[in-house]
Amino acid sequence: IAIVEGIIADPELGKTYDGKVKRIMDFGAFVEILPGTEGLLHISQIAEERIANVSDVLKEGDEIAVKVIEVDKTGRIRLSRKEVLIAQKAAKS
């Protein structure tokens, strides 16, 4: 049942997903959050500090937690790893 729900599910704004890095680009990475559903993790949303190269932090195949921060009118999904890291740090304090 969980597999079927994953296939037909729509990404929820504000929800955190365990995703898999599919492609690395100069401007960020594409992360699959649901089967067949990818979102853009912009370079500015990868880490709390500024990073020069996406590949310094991520590589294809990495499994990371990301939060859906926007779904635009065309269905494009924007993701943030930075917000997840900040929330994890706050939870530990």
PDB file of N, CA and C in Angstrom:
ATOM      1  N   ILE A   1       0.833  -1.199   0.000  1.00  0.00           N
ATOM      2  CA  ILE A   1       0.000   0.000   0.000  1.00  0.00           C
ATOM      3  C   ILE A   1       0.869   1.251   0.000  1.00  0.00           C
ATOM      4  N   ALA A   2       1.940   1.241   0.792  1.00  0.00           N
ATOM      5  CA  ALA A   2       2.827   2.407   0.860  1.00  0.00           C
ATOM      6  C   ALA A   2       3.460   2.695  -0.499  1.00  0.00           C
ATOM      7  N   ILE A   3       3.766   1.641  -1.253  1.00  0.00           N
ATOM      8  CA  ILE A   3       4.364   1.823  -2.580  1.00  0.00           C
ATOM      9  C   ILE A   3       3.376   2.522  -3.505  1.00  0.00           C
ATOM     10  N   VAL A   4       2.127   2.089  -3.487  1.00  0.00           N
ATOM     11  CA  VAL A   4       1.092   2.706  -4.326  1.00  0.00           C
ATOM     12  C   VAL A   4       0.885   4.161  -3.924  1.00  0.00           C
ATOM     13  N   GLU A   5       0.821   4.436  -2.621  1.00  0.00           N
ATOM     14  CA  GLU A   5       0.649   5.817  -2.158  1.00  0.00           C
ATOM     15  C   GLU A   5       1.810   6.692  -2.612  1.00  0.00           C
ATOM     16  N   GLY A   6       3.031   6.144  -2.613  1.00  0.00           N
ATOM     17  CA  GLY A   6       4.194   6.895  -3.063  1.00  0.00           C
ATOM     18  C   GLY A   6       4.116   7.256  -4.536  1.00  0.00           C
ATOM     19  N   ILE A   7       3.552   6.367  -5.332  1.00  0.00           N
ATOM     20  CA  ILE A   7       3.448   6.603  -6.773  1.00  0.00           C
ATOM     21  C   ILE A   7       2.404   7.671  -7.088  1.00  0.00           C
ATOM     22  N   ILE A   8       1.283   7.663  -6.371  1.00  0.00           N
ATOM     23  CA  ILE A   8       0.202   8.594  -6.697  1.00  0.00           C
ATOM     24  C   ILE A   8       0.211   9.863  -5.840  1.00  0.00           C
ATOM     25  N   ALA A   9       1.119   9.940  -4.872  1.00  0.00           N
ATOM     26  CA  ALA A   9       1.145  11.089  -3.954  1.00  0.00           C
ATOM     27  C   ALA A   9       1.629  12.353  -4.656  1.00  0.00           C
ATOM     28  N   ASP A  10       1.087  13.479  -4.219  1.00  0.00           N
ATOM     29  CA  ASP A  10       1.575  14.781  -4.657  1.00  0.00           C
ATOM     30  C   ASP A  10       2.466  15.333  -3.559  1.00  0.00           C
ATOM     31  N   PRO A  11       3.523  16.059  -3.926  1.00  0.00           N
ATOM     32  CA  PRO A  11       4.387  16.637  -2.894  1.00  0.00           C
ATOM     33  C   PRO A  11       3.633  17.683  -2.072  1.00  0.00           C
ATOM     34  N   GLU A  12       3.818  17.645  -0.759  1.00  0.00           N
ATOM     35  CA  GLU A  12       3.140  18.575   0.140  1.00  0.00           C
ATOM     36  C   GLU A  12       4.062  19.723   0.511  1.00  0.00           C
ATOM     37  N   LEU A  13       3.556  20.937   0.375  1.00  0.00           N
ATOM     38  CA  LEU A  13       4.300  22.127   0.763  1.00  0.00           C
ATOM     39  C   LEU A  13       4.598  22.061   2.256  1.00  0.00           C
ATOM     40  N   GLY A  14       5.865  22.274   2.620  1.00  0.00           N
ATOM     41  CA  GLY A  14       6.262  22.271   4.022  1.00  0.00           C
ATOM     42  C   GLY A  14       6.632  20.909   4.577  1.00  0.00           C
ATOM     43  N   LYS A  15       6.418  19.855   3.802  1.00  0.00           N
ATOM     44  CA  LYS A  15       6.719  18.502   4.270  1.00  0.00           C
ATOM     45  C   LYS A  15       8.178  18.152   3.976  1.00  0.00           C
ATOM     46  N   THR A  16       8.772  17.370   4.876  1.00  0.00           N
ATOM     47  CA  THR A  16      10.147  16.902   4.694  1.00  0.00           C
ATOM     48  C   THR A  16      10.119  15.491   4.112  1.00  0.00           C
ATOM     49  N   TYR A  17      10.958  15.268   3.110  1.00  0.00           N
ATOM     50  CA  TYR A  17      11.052  13.976   2.432  1.00  0.00           C
ATOM     51  C   TYR A  17      12.489  13.479   2.477  1.00  0.00           C
ATOM     52  N   ASP A  18      12.653  12.162   2.478  1.00  0.00           N
ATOM     53  CA  ASP A  18      13.963  11.561   2.271  1.00  0.00           C
ATOM     54  C   ASP A  18      14.086  11.378   0.767  1.00  0.00           C
ATOM     55  N   GLY A  19      15.028  12.098   0.183  1.00  0.00           N
ATOM     56  CA  GLY A  19      15.169  12.063  -1.264  1.00  0.00           C
ATOM     57  C   GLY A  19      16.514  11.526  -1.697  1.00  0.00           C
ATOM     58  N   LYS A  20      16.623  11.289  -2.996  1.00  0.00           N
ATOM     59  CA  LYS A  20      17.860  10.778  -3.579  1.00  0.00           C
ATOM     60  C   LYS A  20      18.338  11.750  -4.649  1.00  0.00           C
ATOM     61  N   VAL A  21      19.603  12.157  -4.553  1.00  0.00           N
ATOM     62  CA  VAL A  21      20.184  13.080  -5.525  1.00  0.00           C
ATOM     63  C   VAL A  21      20.299  12.357  -6.865  1.00  0.00           C
ATOM     64  N   LYS A  22      19.637  12.920  -7.881  1.00  0.00           N
ATOM     65  CA  LYS A  22      19.627  12.304  -9.206  1.00  0.00           C
ATOM     66  C   LYS A  22      20.642  12.933 -10.155  1.00  0.00           C
ATOM     67  N   ARG A  23      20.709  14.289 -10.129  1.00  0.00           N
ATOM     68  CA  ARG A  23      21.627  14.994 -11.034  1.00  0.00           C
ATOM     69  C   ARG A  23      22.225  16.191 -10.319  1.00  0.00           C
ATOM     70  N   ILE A  24      23.508  16.426 -10.579  1.00  0.00           N
ATOM     71  CA  ILE A  24      24.210  17.596 -10.049  1.00  0.00           C
ATOM     72  C   ILE A  24      24.375  18.595 -11.190  1.00  0.00           C
ATOM     73  N   MET A  25      24.030  19.849 -10.920  1.00  0.00           N
ATOM     74  CA  MET A  25      24.190  20.926 -11.898  1.00  0.00           C
ATOM     75  C   MET A  25      25.024  22.027 -11.236  1.00  0.00           C
ATOM     76  N   ASP A  26      25.474  23.009 -12.015  1.00  0.00           N
ATOM     77  CA  ASP A  26      26.231  24.133 -11.449  1.00  0.00           C
ATOM     78  C   ASP A  26      25.398  24.920 -10.444  1.00  0.00           C
ATOM     79  N   PHE A  27      24.097  25.002 -10.683  1.00  0.00           N
ATOM     80  CA  PHE A  27      23.212  25.847  -9.874  1.00  0.00           C
ATOM     81  C   PHE A  27      22.497  25.091  -8.755  1.00  0.00           C
ATOM     82  N   GLY A  28      22.700  23.774  -8.663  1.00  0.00           N
ATOM     83  CA  GLY A  28      22.027  22.998  -7.627  1.00  0.00           C
ATOM     84  C   GLY A  28      21.977  21.522  -7.981  1.00  0.00           C
ATOM     85  N   ALA A  29      20.995  20.832  -7.414  1.00  0.00           N
ATOM     86  CA  ALA A  29      20.845  19.402  -7.663  1.00  0.00           C
ATOM     87  C   ALA A  29      19.366  19.064  -7.809  1.00  0.00           C
ATOM     88  N   PHE A  30      19.088  18.060  -8.622  1.00  0.00           N
ATOM     89  CA  PHE A  30      17.727  17.551  -8.733  1.00  0.00           C
ATOM     90  C   PHE A  30      17.620  16.329  -7.828  1.00  0.00           C
ATOM     91  N   VAL A  31      16.606  16.368  -6.958  1.00  0.00           N
ATOM     92  CA  VAL A  31      16.426  15.330  -5.950  1.00  0.00           C
ATOM     93  C   VAL A  31      15.062  14.679  -6.152  1.00  0.00           C
ATOM     94  N   GLU A  32      15.053  13.351  -6.231  1.00  0.00           N
ATOM     95  CA  GLU A  32      13.792  12.612  -6.343  1.00  0.00           C
ATOM     96  C   GLU A  32      13.222  12.428  -4.940  1.00  0.00           C
ATOM     97  N   ILE A  33      12.018  12.987  -4.710  1.00  0.00           N
ATOM     98  CA  ILE A  33      11.397  12.906  -3.384  1.00  0.00           C
ATOM     99  C   ILE A  33      10.277  11.872  -3.330  1.00  0.00           C
ATOM    100  N   LEU A  34       9.706  11.568  -4.467  1.00  0.00           N
ATOM    101  CA  LEU A  34       8.695  10.520  -4.617  1.00  0.00           C
ATOM    102  C   LEU A  34       9.020   9.800  -5.919  1.00  0.00           C
ATOM    103  N   PRO A  35       8.582   8.564  -6.092  1.00  0.00           N
ATOM    104  CA  PRO A  35       8.882   7.869  -7.350  1.00  0.00           C
ATOM    105  C   PRO A  35       8.451   8.693  -8.564  1.00  0.00           C
ATOM    106  N   GLY A  36       9.421   9.038  -9.414  1.00  0.00           N
ATOM    107  CA  GLY A  36       9.139   9.813 -10.615  1.00  0.00           C
ATOM    108  C   GLY A  36       8.916  11.299 -10.384  1.00  0.00           C
ATOM    109  N   THR A  37       9.111  11.783  -9.164  1.00  0.00           N
ATOM    110  CA  THR A  37       8.898  13.199  -8.847  1.00  0.00           C
ATOM    111  C   THR A  37      10.188  13.809  -8.319  1.00  0.00           C
ATOM    112  N   GLU A  38      10.722  14.769  -9.088  1.00  0.00           N
ATOM    113  CA  GLU A  38      11.961  15.436  -8.702  1.00  0.00           C
ATOM    114  C   GLU A  38      11.708  16.904  -8.429  1.00  0.00           C
ATOM    115  N   GLY A  39      12.536  17.457  -7.557  1.00  0.00           N
ATOM    116  CA  GLY A  39      12.502  18.880  -7.274  1.00  0.00           C
ATOM    117  C   GLY A  39      13.899  19.446  -7.369  1.00  0.00           C
ATOM    118  N   LEU A  40      13.976  20.769  -7.477  1.00  0.00           N
ATOM    119  CA  LEU A  40      15.267  21.446  -7.549  1.00  0.00           C
ATOM    120  C   LEU A  40      15.712  21.878  -6.161  1.00  0.00           C
ATOM    121  N   LEU A  41      16.899  21.457  -5.799  1.00  0.00           N
ATOM    122  CA  LEU A  41      17.561  21.913  -4.586  1.00  0.00           C
ATOM    123  C   LEU A  41      18.609  22.924  -5.036  1.00  0.00           C
ATOM    124  N   HIS A  42      18.276  24.223  -4.934  1.00  0.00           N
ATOM    125  CA  HIS A  42      19.170  25.285  -5.392  1.00  0.00           C
ATOM    126  C   HIS A  42      20.417  25.314  -4.520  1.00  0.00           C
ATOM    127  N   ILE A  43      21.536  25.722  -5.094  1.00  0.00           N
ATOM    128  CA  ILE A  43      22.810  25.760  -4.372  1.00  0.00           C
ATOM    129  C   ILE A  43      22.710  26.565  -3.073  1.00  0.00           C
ATOM    130  N   SER A  44      21.869  27.595  -3.049  1.00  0.00           N
ATOM    131  CA  SER A  44      21.719  28.425  -1.846  1.00  0.00           C
ATOM    132  C   SER A  44      20.943  27.712  -0.739  1.00  0.00           C
ATOM    133  N   GLN A  45      20.310  26.584  -1.068  1.00  0.00           N
ATOM    134  CA  GLN A  45      19.498  25.842  -0.098  1.00  0.00           C
ATOM    135  C   GLN A  45      20.131  24.510   0.319  1.00  0.00           C
ATOM    136  N   ILE A  46      21.396  24.310  -0.053  1.00  0.00           N
ATOM    137  CA  ILE A  46      22.060  23.033   0.247  1.00  0.00           C
ATOM    138  C   ILE A  46      22.629  22.996   1.660  1.00  0.00           C
ATOM    139  N   ALA A  47      23.237  24.097   2.090  1.00  0.00           N
ATOM    140  CA  ALA A  47      23.890  24.134   3.403  1.00  0.00           C
ATOM    141  C   ALA A  47      23.627  25.476   4.065  1.00  0.00           C
ATOM    142  N   GLU A  48      23.876  25.530   5.374  1.00  0.00           N
ATOM    143  CA  GLU A  48      23.672  26.789   6.097  1.00  0.00           C
ATOM    144  C   GLU A  48      24.690  27.835   5.661  1.00  0.00           C
ATOM    145  N   GLU A  49      25.908  27.380   5.386  1.00  0.00           N
ATOM    146  CA  GLU A  49      26.947  28.304   4.929  1.00  0.00           C
ATOM    147  C   GLU A  49      26.960  28.339   3.402  1.00  0.00           C
ATOM    148  N   ARG A  50      27.573  29.380   2.859  1.00  0.00           N
ATOM    149  CA  ARG A  50      27.673  29.503   1.402  1.00  0.00           C
ATOM    150  C   ARG A  50      28.647  28.452   0.886  1.00  0.00           C
ATOM    151  N   ILE A  51      28.264  27.787  -0.184  1.00  0.00           N
ATOM    152  CA  ILE A  51      29.164  26.817  -0.807  1.00  0.00           C
ATOM    153  C   ILE A  51      29.454  27.255  -2.235  1.00  0.00           C
ATOM    154  N   ALA A  52      30.662  26.956  -2.688  1.00  0.00           N
ATOM    155  CA  ALA A  52      31.076  27.369  -4.028  1.00  0.00           C
ATOM    156  C   ALA A  52      30.642  26.360  -5.090  1.00  0.00           C
ATOM    157  N   ASN A  53      30.716  25.086  -4.752  1.00  0.00           N
ATOM    158  CA  ASN A  53      30.394  24.031  -5.711  1.00  0.00           C
ATOM    159  C   ASN A  53      29.456  23.008  -5.088  1.00  0.00           C
ATOM    160  N   VAL A  54      28.418  22.677  -5.802  1.00  0.00           N
ATOM    161  CA  VAL A  54      27.453  21.681  -5.330  1.00  0.00           C
ATOM    162  C   VAL A  54      28.164  20.368  -5.028  1.00  0.00           C
ATOM    163  N   SER A  55      29.101  19.992  -5.891  1.00  0.00           N
ATOM    164  CA  SER A  55      29.787  18.705  -5.749  1.00  0.00           C
ATOM    165  C   SER A  55      30.709  18.641  -4.533  1.00  0.00           C
ATOM    166  N   ASP A  56      30.956  19.783  -3.873  1.00  0.00           N
ATOM    167  CA  ASP A  56      31.731  19.763  -2.625  1.00  0.00           C
ATOM    168  C   ASP A  56      30.912  19.150  -1.492  1.00  0.00           C
ATOM    169  N   VAL A  57      29.587  19.187  -1.612  1.00  0.00           N
ATOM    170  CA  VAL A  57      28.697  18.736  -0.538  1.00  0.00           C
ATOM    171  C   VAL A  57      27.898  17.495  -0.937  1.00  0.00           C
ATOM    172  N   LEU A  58      27.457  17.442  -2.191  1.00  0.00           N
ATOM    173  CA  LEU A  58      26.585  16.355  -2.648  1.00  0.00           C
ATOM    174  C   LEU A  58      27.181  15.612  -3.830  1.00  0.00           C
ATOM    175  N   LYS A  59      26.753  14.359  -3.979  1.00  0.00           N
ATOM    176  CA  LYS A  59      27.088  13.607  -5.185  1.00  0.00           C
ATOM    177  C   LYS A  59      25.865  12.795  -5.597  1.00  0.00           C
ATOM    178  N   GLU A  60      25.807  12.415  -6.854  1.00  0.00           N
ATOM    179  CA  GLU A  60      24.676  11.629  -7.342  1.00  0.00           C
ATOM    180  C   GLU A  60      24.556  10.352  -6.527  1.00  0.00           C
ATOM    181  N   GLY A  61      23.321  10.030  -6.151  1.00  0.00           N
ATOM    182  CA  GLY A  61      23.065   8.830  -5.366  1.00  0.00           C
ATOM    183  C   GLY A  61      22.959   9.084  -3.874  1.00  0.00           C
ATOM    184  N   ASP A  62      23.413  10.266  -3.409  1.00  0.00           N
ATOM    185  CA  ASP A  62      23.292  10.599  -1.986  1.00  0.00           C
ATOM    186  C   ASP A  62      21.827  10.598  -1.578  1.00  0.00           C
ATOM    187  N   GLU A  63      21.556  10.107  -0.386  1.00  0.00           N
ATOM    188  CA  GLU A  63      20.203  10.170   0.172  1.00  0.00           C
ATOM    189  C   GLU A  63      20.201  11.253   1.238  1.00  0.00           C
ATOM    190  N   ILE A  64      19.320  12.240   1.054  1.00  0.00           N
ATOM    191  CA  ILE A  64      19.286  13.402   1.943  1.00  0.00           C
ATOM    192  C   ILE A  64      17.848  13.758   2.298  1.00  0.00           C
ATOM    193  N   ALA A  65      17.694  14.441   3.424  1.00  0.00           N
ATOM    194  CA  ALA A  65      16.383  14.949   3.821  1.00  0.00           C
ATOM    195  C   ALA A  65      16.226  16.350   3.246  1.00  0.00           C
ATOM    196  N   VAL A  66      15.102  16.596   2.601  1.00  0.00           N
ATOM    197  CA  VAL A  66      14.809  17.910   2.020  1.00  0.00           C
ATOM    198  C   VAL A  66      13.368  18.293   2.335  1.00  0.00           C
ATOM    199  N   LYS A  67      13.125  19.593   2.370  1.00  0.00           N
ATOM    200  CA  LYS A  67      11.787  20.123   2.648  1.00  0.00           C
ATOM    201  C   LYS A  67      11.265  20.808   1.392  1.00  0.00           C
ATOM    202  N   VAL A  68       9.991  20.592   1.076  1.00  0.00           N
ATOM    203  CA  VAL A  68       9.359  21.269  -0.058  1.00  0.00           C
ATOM    204  C   VAL A  68       9.043  22.698   0.379  1.00  0.00           C
ATOM    205  N   ILE A  69       9.662  23.685  -0.289  1.00  0.00           N
ATOM    206  CA  ILE A  69       9.433  25.083   0.084  1.00  0.00           C
ATOM    207  C   ILE A  69       8.560  25.826  -0.917  1.00  0.00           C
ATOM    208  N   GLU A  70       8.373  25.247  -2.104  1.00  0.00           N
ATOM    209  CA  GLU A  70       7.489  25.885  -3.088  1.00  0.00           C
ATOM    210  C   GLU A  70       7.106  24.886  -4.166  1.00  0.00           C
ATOM    211  N   VAL A  71       5.858  24.952  -4.598  1.00  0.00           N
ATOM    212  CA  VAL A  71       5.397  24.248  -5.792  1.00  0.00           C
ATOM    213  C   VAL A  71       4.729  25.319  -6.643  1.00  0.00           C
ATOM    214  N   ASP A  72       5.325  25.617  -7.811  1.00  0.00           N
ATOM    215  CA  ASP A  72       4.770  26.710  -8.622  1.00  0.00           C
ATOM    216  C   ASP A  72       3.583  26.236  -9.468  1.00  0.00           C
ATOM    217  N   LYS A  73       3.016  27.168 -10.225  1.00  0.00           N
ATOM    218  CA  LYS A  73       1.806  26.886 -11.013  1.00  0.00           C
ATOM    219  C   LYS A  73       2.005  25.778 -12.034  1.00  0.00           C
ATOM    220  N   THR A  74       3.242  25.616 -12.503  1.00  0.00           N
ATOM    221  CA  THR A  74       3.512  24.582 -13.502  1.00  0.00           C
ATOM    222  C   THR A  74       3.891  23.251 -12.859  1.00  0.00           C
ATOM    223  N   GLY A  75       3.905  23.210 -11.521  1.00  0.00           N
ATOM    224  CA  GLY A  75       4.217  21.969 -10.823  1.00  0.00           C
ATOM    225  C   GLY A  75       5.681  21.784 -10.484  1.00  0.00           C
ATOM    226  N   ARG A  76       6.509  22.786 -10.795  1.00  0.00           N
ATOM    227  CA  ARG A  76       7.928  22.683 -10.446  1.00  0.00           C
ATOM    228  C   ARG A  76       8.082  22.789  -8.930  1.00  0.00           C
ATOM    229  N   ILE A  77       8.961  21.965  -8.399  1.00  0.00           N
ATOM    230  CA  ILE A  77       9.125  21.863  -6.946  1.00  0.00           C
ATOM    231  C   ILE A  77      10.481  22.433  -6.537  1.00  0.00           C
ATOM    232  N   ARG A  78      10.454  23.349  -5.552  1.00  0.00           N
ATOM    233  CA  ARG A  78      11.693  23.888  -4.973  1.00  0.00           C
ATOM    234  C   ARG A  78      11.897  23.242  -3.611  1.00  0.00           C
ATOM    235  N   LEU A  79      13.132  22.808  -3.369  1.00  0.00           N
ATOM    236  CA  LEU A  79      13.468  22.095  -2.144  1.00  0.00           C
ATOM    237  C   LEU A  79      14.510  22.849  -1.329  1.00  0.00           C
ATOM    238  N   SER A  80      14.572  22.535  -0.033  1.00  0.00           N
ATOM    239  CA  SER A  80      15.592  23.108   0.842  1.00  0.00           C
ATOM    240  C   SER A  80      16.147  22.030   1.755  1.00  0.00           C
ATOM    241  N   ARG A  81      17.443  21.875   1.746  1.00  0.00           N
ATOM    242  CA  ARG A  81      18.129  21.034   2.730  1.00  0.00           C
ATOM    243  C   ARG A  81      18.526  21.899   3.919  1.00  0.00           C
ATOM    244  N   LYS A  82      18.791  23.183   3.638  1.00  0.00           N
ATOM    245  CA  LYS A  82      19.204  24.121   4.681  1.00  0.00           C
ATOM    246  C   LYS A  82      18.146  24.211   5.782  1.00  0.00           C
ATOM    247  N   GLU A  83      16.877  24.310   5.424  1.00  0.00           N
ATOM    248  CA  GLU A  83      15.805  24.409   6.426  1.00  0.00           C
ATOM    249  C   GLU A  83      15.737  23.156   7.297  1.00  0.00           C
ATOM    250  N   VAL A  84      16.004  21.995   6.713  1.00  0.00           N
ATOM    251  CA  VAL A  84      16.014  20.745   7.481  1.00  0.00           C
ATOM    252  C   VAL A  84      17.175  20.756   8.471  1.00  0.00           C
ATOM    253  N   LEU A  85      18.354  21.194   8.014  1.00  0.00           N
ATOM    254  CA  LEU A  85      19.529  21.245   8.894  1.00  0.00           C
ATOM    255  C   LEU A  85      19.307  22.209  10.056  1.00  0.00           C
ATOM    256  N   ILE A  86      18.716  23.366   9.780  1.00  0.00           N
ATOM    257  CA  ILE A  86      18.437  24.358  10.827  1.00  0.00           C
ATOM    258  C   ILE A  86      17.450  23.785  11.844  1.00  0.00           C
ATOM    259  N   ALA A  87      16.411  23.109  11.362  1.00  0.00           N
ATOM    260  CA  ALA A  87      15.409  22.512  12.254  1.00  0.00           C
ATOM    261  C   ALA A  87      16.027  21.409  13.117  1.00  0.00           C
ATOM    262  N   GLN A  88      16.919  20.609  12.527  1.00  0.00           N
ATOM    263  CA  GLN A  88      17.577  19.545  13.291  1.00  0.00           C
ATOM    264  C   GLN A  88      18.465  20.136  14.379  1.00  0.00           C
ATOM    265  N   LYS A  89      19.172  21.207  14.046  1.00  0.00           N
ATOM    266  CA  LYS A  89      20.047  21.866  15.014  1.00  0.00           C
ATOM    267  C   LYS A  89      19.219  22.451  16.159  1.00  0.00           C
ATOM    268  N   ALA A  90      18.086  23.065  15.836  1.00  0.00           N
ATOM    269  CA  ALA A  90      17.209  23.661  16.852  1.00  0.00           C
ATOM    270  C   ALA A  90      16.623  22.582  17.766  1.00  0.00           C
ATOM    271  N   ALA A  91      16.313  21.421  17.203  1.00  0.00           N
ATOM    272  CA  ALA A  91      15.735  20.327  17.990  1.00  0.00           C
ATOM    273  C   ALA A  91      16.744  19.764  18.988  1.00  0.00           C
ATOM    274  N   LYS A  92      18.031  19.822  18.638  1.00  0.00           N
ATOM    275  CA  LYS A  92      19.080  19.315  19.531  1.00  0.00           C
ATOM    276  C   LYS A  92      19.377  20.278  20.673  1.00  0.00           C
ATOM    277  N   SER A  93      19.072  21.560  20.481  1.00  0.00           N
ATOM    278  CA  SER A  93      19.387  22.571  21.499  1.00  0.00           C
ATOM    279  C   SER A  93      18.423  22.513  22.662  1.00  0.00           C
TER     280      SER A  93
END
